[in-house]
Each structure stands twice: as structure tokens, then as C-alpha cells.
């Protein structure tokens, strides 16, 4: 499926005679700058992680913390599910 150009999308949405929305160019430029900055930041983080060595002790600590976090999240979801299911929902219907 081909991607439509910005001009095609604007024409389809606003028609031939309508003017472009106010501030469109500024908003697009700002959005592109933000995406570029985010991409640069992600590249810096990735480069930093590639250069940084992680000790086994630190890796084990990260795994333990994430596992504990998942356990707490799972317990919280069970409590929430128990609170949402009312006792009437679990009773059988009489015929």
C-alpha cells in the first residue's frame, strides 16, 4: 500500500480551495526536530550501552529486581481481579 504525500492528504481532507491550516509548517518543523533529537538521544544511549561493560553481579541484580517487580505486579493483578469479580458472578444459575 503506497504512502500518500502530505499534499495529497491535505487535498483529500481540505479540498482544492481550502488554505493550509495555520501554523502547519511550524508544527511539522517542530515535530521533525523533536524526532531528530529523540533519535540522537537513543543512538547515544545505544552507543553508551555498547561501550559499557556490565558485571555479572549487576546483571544478576537487574534480573532479580525485574523478577520481583513482575511478582508484585502479578499479585496486584490477582487482588484486582478478585475485587472485580463479585460473589454473585461466581454463583450458578438455578433452572
Protein backbone atom coordinates (compact mmCIF):
# COMPACT_ATOMS: atom_id res chain seq x y z
CA UNK A 1 0.00 0.00 0.00
CA UNK A 2 1.70 3.23 -1.11
CA UNK A 3 2.02 6.13 1.30
CA UNK A 4 0.31 9.33 0.23
CA UNK A 5 2.28 12.54 0.23
CA UNK A 6 1.46 15.32 2.65
CA UNK A 7 -0.01 17.40 -0.15
CA UNK A 8 -2.30 14.55 -1.22
CA UNK A 9 -3.55 14.06 2.33
CA UNK A 10 -4.20 17.79 2.77
CA UNK A 11 -6.06 17.98 -0.53
CA UNK A 12 -8.15 14.95 0.37
CA UNK A 13 -9.01 16.37 3.77
CA UNK A 14 -9.42 20.08 3.00
CA UNK A 15 -10.17 20.12 -0.74
CA UNK A 16 -8.72 22.25 -3.55
CA UNK A 17 -9.91 25.64 -2.38
CA UNK A 18 -9.11 25.42 1.32
CA UNK A 19 -6.00 27.02 2.68
CA UNK A 20 -3.46 25.08 4.70
CA UNK A 21 -4.06 25.04 8.45
CA UNK A 22 -2.44 27.90 10.32
CA UNK A 23 0.94 27.05 11.77
CA UNK A 24 1.17 23.75 9.90
CA UNK A 25 4.72 24.29 8.67
CA UNK A 26 5.93 25.34 12.13
CA UNK A 27 4.29 22.32 13.75
CA UNK A 28 5.81 19.98 11.17
CA UNK A 29 9.27 21.50 11.63
CA UNK A 30 8.97 21.23 15.40
CA UNK A 31 7.86 17.62 15.13
CA UNK A 32 10.76 16.74 12.83
CA UNK A 33 13.24 18.44 15.19
CA UNK A 34 11.83 16.50 18.14
CA UNK A 35 12.10 13.22 16.26
CA UNK A 36 15.70 14.00 15.30
CA UNK A 37 16.58 14.85 18.91
CA UNK A 38 14.93 11.68 20.17
CA UNK A 39 16.75 9.57 17.60
CA UNK A 40 20.08 11.16 18.55
CA UNK A 41 19.39 10.52 22.23
CA UNK A 42 18.54 6.87 21.52
CA UNK A 43 21.72 6.49 19.48
CA UNK A 44 23.79 7.98 22.32
CA UNK A 45 22.22 5.60 24.82
CA UNK A 46 22.79 2.64 22.50
CA UNK A 47 26.42 3.62 21.95
CA UNK A 48 26.91 4.06 25.70
CA UNK A 49 25.42 0.63 26.39
CA UNK A 50 27.63 -0.98 23.75
CA UNK A 51 30.74 0.56 25.32
CA UNK A 52 29.81 -0.05 28.95
CA UNK A 53 30.63 -3.42 30.41
CA UNK A 54 28.12 -4.93 32.77
CA UNK A 55 29.38 -7.10 35.59
CA UNK A 56 27.72 -10.42 36.35
CA UNK A 57 26.75 -9.14 39.79
CA UNK A 58 25.00 -6.13 38.26
CA UNK A 59 23.23 -8.32 35.66
CA UNK A 60 22.00 -10.71 38.37
CA UNK A 61 20.79 -7.76 40.43
CA UNK A 62 18.84 -6.37 37.46
CA UNK A 63 17.24 -9.74 36.79
CA UNK A 64 16.32 -10.16 40.46
CA UNK A 65 14.77 -6.69 40.66
CA UNK A 66 12.77 -7.19 37.46
CA UNK A 67 11.59 -10.62 38.61
CA UNK A 68 10.49 -9.20 41.95
CA UNK A 69 8.69 -6.39 40.16
CA UNK A 70 6.85 -8.88 37.97
CA UNK A 71 5.89 -10.90 41.04
CA UNK A 72 4.47 -7.83 42.76
CA UNK A 73 2.62 -6.85 39.59
CA UNK A 74 1.16 -10.35 39.28
CA UNK A 75 -0.01 -10.32 42.90
CA UNK A 76 -1.56 -6.89 42.41
CA UNK A 77 -3.43 -8.09 39.33
CA UNK A 78 -4.76 -11.10 41.24
CA UNK A 79 -6.05 -8.83 44.00
CA UNK A 80 -7.63 -6.52 41.44
CA UNK A 81 -9.26 -9.43 39.63
CA UNK A 82 -10.63 -10.80 42.91
CA UNK A 83 -12.03 -7.37 43.76
CA UNK A 84 -13.69 -7.01 40.35
CA UNK A 85 -15.34 -10.44 40.39
CA UNK A 86 -18.32 -10.18 42.67
CA UNK A 87 -19.64 -13.20 44.61
CA UNK A 88 -22.84 -13.08 42.54
CA UNK A 89 -20.85 -13.71 39.34
CA UNK A 90 -19.49 -16.97 40.68
CA UNK A 91 -22.88 -18.45 41.73
CA UNK A 92 -24.61 -20.91 39.46
CA UNK A 93 -27.93 -20.07 37.89
CA UNK A 94 -30.88 -22.14 39.03
CA UNK A 95 -33.19 -23.58 36.41
